[in-house]
Every structure is written in structure tokens, then in C-alpha cells.
């Protein structure tokens, strides 16, 4: 029961749903999420961590970057149905479509990405 509560709490936030929307498109680092959603590094990291702790995400380190992706989910769990429901719910959503469009123009900029974001 505790795991299911953690999952449903993770999905009860618009920012986290928007992040999942991006990660369903492709693997992203924190700075790419920041740029696509126009949010701070703190907010992006905190929400990625909630999704990771709930079991939705993989985390992979590559040099300076922490890269997040949606887990390939075991069919014996309820995660595949939840992911499909999220995809269905976001299909055609104006905000989700705009976020995915902005994702096409983001760049991985390294450790200075948070500093560049603050200057905006």
C-alpha cells in the first residue's frame, strides 16, 4: 500500500506530469528539463527526485550530467498501466505539446546551466 501511495502522490503534481511527458519523449538531464519547462534547477531536481523515488525513473551518470529516463517497466507491476494512462491523458494537451516542442530546442550545457537559467 505504501508504494502505491508514493506513486499516486508523485503523480499529483502538474510539474511532475510535465516532466514525465518530456521523459516519455527522450532521456533528459536536469538542465534540459529546466529549459523545456522554464523552471529553476531546484524545482527540476526536486521533482525529478520525487519521480525517481516513486520508481518511475532510471538515473544514469555521464560525465557531468545526471540523465533521467522512464524505466522500462516490468509487466507484472501496475506501472505499465499508469504510464499508458499518463500518455493517454497528455495526448493532445496544449501544455504537453508545447513542452515537447520546446524540448526539441534545448541544449545540454553542463554545470553552468543553473547559472545561465538564473540570468534569464
Protein backbone atom coordinates (compact mmCIF):
# COMPACT_ATOMS: atom_id res chain seq x y z
CA UNK A 1 0.00 0.00 0.00
CA UNK A 2 2.84 2.42 0.87
CA UNK A 3 4.37 2.08 -2.62
CA UNK A 4 1.05 2.84 -4.28
CA UNK A 5 0.63 5.94 -2.12
CA UNK A 6 4.12 7.12 -3.11
CA UNK A 7 3.25 6.61 -6.79
CA UNK A 8 -0.06 8.45 -6.63
CA UNK A 9 1.48 11.34 -4.67
CA UNK A 10 4.23 11.62 -7.28
CA UNK A 11 1.60 11.98 -10.00
CA UNK A 12 -0.47 14.56 -8.13
CA UNK A 13 1.67 17.50 -9.28
CA UNK A 14 1.49 19.29 -12.64
CA UNK A 15 5.26 19.83 -12.85
CA UNK A 16 5.96 16.13 -12.33
CA UNK A 17 3.43 15.19 -15.03
CA UNK A 18 5.08 17.68 -17.37
CA UNK A 19 8.49 16.17 -16.58
CA UNK A 20 7.18 12.66 -17.28
CA UNK A 21 5.81 13.98 -20.57
CA UNK A 22 9.34 15.09 -21.56
CA UNK A 23 10.96 11.87 -20.41
CA UNK A 24 8.46 9.82 -22.40
CA UNK A 25 9.96 11.59 -25.44
CA UNK A 26 13.62 11.01 -24.53
CA UNK A 27 16.27 10.88 -21.82
CA UNK A 28 16.99 14.31 -20.30
CA UNK A 29 19.40 15.93 -17.89
CA UNK A 30 18.26 18.43 -15.27
CA UNK A 31 19.29 21.42 -17.40
CA UNK A 32 17.19 20.19 -20.34
CA UNK A 33 14.14 19.83 -18.08
CA UNK A 34 14.80 23.33 -16.72
CA UNK A 35 14.92 24.83 -20.20
CA UNK A 36 11.93 22.96 -21.62
CA UNK A 37 9.67 23.81 -18.67
CA UNK A 38 11.28 27.18 -17.83
CA UNK A 39 11.73 26.23 -14.17
CA UNK A 40 14.59 26.57 -11.69
CA UNK A 41 17.27 23.94 -11.14
CA UNK A 42 16.00 23.37 -7.61
CA UNK A 43 12.44 22.77 -8.77
CA UNK A 44 13.54 20.47 -11.60
CA UNK A 45 15.85 18.43 -9.35
CA UNK A 46 13.34 18.16 -6.52
CA UNK A 47 10.57 16.92 -8.83
CA UNK A 48 12.86 14.52 -10.69
CA UNK A 49 13.87 13.09 -7.32
CA UNK A 50 10.22 12.54 -6.33
CA UNK A 51 9.58 10.66 -9.59
CA UNK A 52 12.78 8.66 -9.13
CA UNK A 53 11.88 7.73 -5.53
CA UNK A 54 8.41 6.65 -6.66
CA UNK A 55 10.02 4.19 -9.09
CA UNK A 56 9.23 5.87 -12.40
CA UNK A 57 12.75 6.84 -13.47
CA UNK A 58 16.20 5.50 -14.17
CA UNK A 59 19.19 7.66 -13.33
CA UNK A 60 22.39 7.37 -15.31
CA UNK A 61 25.57 9.40 -14.82
CA UNK A 62 27.51 10.51 -17.87
CA UNK A 63 30.40 12.82 -17.12
CA UNK A 64 28.97 15.97 -15.57
CA UNK A 65 25.36 15.05 -16.28
CA UNK A 66 22.73 13.11 -14.40
CA UNK A 67 20.46 11.69 -17.08
CA UNK A 68 16.91 10.60 -16.34
CA UNK A 69 14.67 8.30 -18.35
CA UNK A 70 11.39 6.48 -17.80
CA UNK A 71 12.04 2.96 -16.55
CA UNK A 72 11.33 0.03 -18.78
CA UNK A 73 8.63 -1.33 -16.56
CA UNK A 74 8.04 -4.90 -15.52
CA UNK A 75 4.72 -6.14 -16.84
CA UNK A 76 3.99 -7.84 -13.50
CA UNK A 77 3.51 -4.43 -11.82
CA UNK A 78 0.85 -1.76 -12.25
CA UNK A 79 3.36 0.74 -13.71
CA UNK A 80 2.69 -0.05 -17.41
CA UNK A 81 -0.99 0.79 -16.98
CA UNK A 82 -0.15 4.01 -15.14
CA UNK A 83 2.30 5.09 -17.84
CA UNK A 84 -0.27 4.34 -20.55
CA UNK A 85 -2.91 6.34 -18.66
CA UNK A 86 -0.48 9.28 -18.42
CA UNK A 87 0.26 9.08 -22.16
CA UNK A 88 -3.45 8.97 -22.93
CA UNK A 89 -4.20 11.86 -20.57
CA UNK A 90 -1.46 14.06 -22.06
CA UNK A 91 -2.26 13.27 -25.69
CA UNK A 92 -3.34 16.49 -27.34
CA UNK A 93 -2.91 18.53 -24.14
CA UNK A 94 -1.78 22.01 -25.22
CA UNK A 95 0.79 22.41 -22.41
CA UNK A 96 2.22 18.94 -23.03
CA UNK A 97 2.53 19.56 -26.76
CA UNK A 98 4.25 22.93 -26.16
CA UNK A 99 6.66 21.35 -23.64
CA UNK A 100 7.63 18.63 -26.14
CA UNK A 101 8.13 21.27 -28.82
CA UNK A 102 10.45 23.31 -26.55
CA UNK A 103 12.34 20.11 -25.70
CA UNK A 104 13.42 19.92 -29.34
CA UNK A 105 15.34 23.20 -28.92
CA UNK A 106 17.08 22.65 -25.57
CA UNK A 107 20.78 22.02 -25.22
CA UNK A 108 22.82 20.17 -22.66
CA UNK A 109 25.03 22.90 -21.27
CA UNK A 110 26.76 21.31 -18.28
CA UNK A 111 27.33 22.61 -14.78
CA UNK A 112 26.81 26.23 -15.81
CA UNK A 113 23.22 25.60 -16.88
CA UNK A 114 21.83 26.63 -13.48
CA UNK A 115 23.82 29.88 -13.61
CA UNK A 116 22.58 30.64 -17.13
CA UNK A 117 19.00 29.92 -16.06
CA UNK A 118 19.30 32.40 -13.15
CA UNK A 119 20.40 35.17 -15.53
CA UNK A 120 17.22 34.88 -17.64
